[in-house]
Amino acid sequence: MLTMNYRLVDTLQAFQLEEGDLVDIGGDICKIISKQDTKDGYALIFEDEFGEKDVLEIFDDEIFYLYMP
């Protein structure tokens, strides 16, 4: 993913996120690996451009920018 150019194509609410989506997380384009329901929203497991995986807990009302290569 380091050499790809990305184009902003949409904005998504948290419930619209799906596995494989490329979204902006903390200023980096990251790939959603999985999304799990929690009491207050969702837990996202995502992978950054360096192949590092992390977990982010989000609320139902959060907005994400969807990108395509």
Protein backbone atom coordinates (compact mmCIF):
# COMPACT_ATOMS: atom_id res chain seq x y z
CA MET A 1 0.00 0.00 0.00
CA LEU A 2 3.00 2.33 0.29
CA THR A 3 3.12 3.26 -3.39
CA MET A 4 -0.59 3.56 -4.19
CA ASN A 5 -2.42 6.80 -4.75
CA TYR A 6 -5.83 6.94 -3.12
CA ARG A 7 -8.97 8.84 -4.03
CA LEU A 8 -11.59 9.92 -1.49
CA VAL A 9 -14.86 8.41 -2.68
CA ASP A 10 -17.34 8.62 0.20
CA THR A 11 -17.99 9.22 3.87
CA LEU A 12 -19.33 6.36 5.96
CA GLN A 13 -20.92 6.11 9.36
CA ALA A 14 -19.53 3.48 11.72
CA PHE A 15 -22.33 0.98 11.02
CA GLN A 16 -21.58 1.13 7.27
CA LEU A 17 -17.95 0.01 7.58
CA GLU A 18 -17.13 -3.39 6.12
CA GLU A 19 -14.13 -5.70 6.05
CA GLY A 20 -11.66 -4.62 3.37
CA ASP A 21 -12.66 -0.93 3.39
CA LEU A 22 -9.79 1.55 3.16
CA VAL A 23 -10.46 4.40 5.59
CA ASP A 24 -8.63 7.30 7.17
CA ILE A 25 -7.64 6.49 10.76
CA GLY A 26 -5.46 9.07 12.45
CA GLY A 27 -4.36 10.57 9.13
CA ASP A 28 -3.27 7.22 7.64
CA ILE A 29 -5.10 5.07 5.10
CA CYS A 30 -5.85 1.77 6.85
CA LYS A 31 -7.61 -1.44 5.82
CA ILE A 32 -10.45 -2.71 8.01
CA ILE A 33 -9.74 -6.34 8.94
CA SER A 34 -12.84 -6.89 11.08
CA LYS A 35 -15.58 -5.06 12.95
CA GLN A 36 -17.14 -6.36 16.16
CA ASP A 37 -20.10 -5.00 18.08
CA THR A 38 -19.46 -3.59 21.55
CA LYS A 39 -21.76 -2.12 24.19
CA ASP A 40 -21.19 1.48 23.02
CA GLY A 41 -20.34 0.97 19.35
CA TYR A 42 -17.76 -1.15 17.56
CA ALA A 43 -14.22 -2.45 17.87
CA LEU A 44 -12.29 -2.15 14.61
CA ILE A 45 -9.28 -4.29 13.89
CA PHE A 46 -7.31 -2.54 11.18
CA GLU A 47 -4.00 -2.80 9.35
CA ASP A 48 -1.88 0.22 8.45
CA GLU A 49 0.36 0.65 5.40
CA PHE A 50 3.28 -1.01 7.21
CA GLY A 51 1.30 -4.20 7.92
CA GLU A 52 0.87 -3.42 11.61
CA LYS A 53 -2.49 -4.37 13.10
CA ASP A 54 -4.24 -2.50 15.88
CA VAL A 55 -7.65 -2.22 17.55
CA LEU A 56 -9.74 0.95 17.73
CA GLU A 57 -12.95 1.30 19.71
CA ILE A 58 -15.44 3.68 18.08
CA PHE A 59 -18.92 5.00 18.82
CA ASP A 60 -21.98 4.54 16.60
CA ASP A 61 -22.00 8.17 15.45
CA GLU A 62 -18.41 8.41 14.14
CA ILE A 63 -17.75 9.28 10.50
CA PHE A 64 -14.95 7.82 8.35
CA TYR A 65 -13.60 8.77 4.93
CA LEU A 66 -13.63 5.88 2.45
CA TYR A 67 -10.79 5.69 -0.09
CA MET A 68 -10.19 3.64 -3.22
CA PRO A 69 -6.86 2.98 -4.96
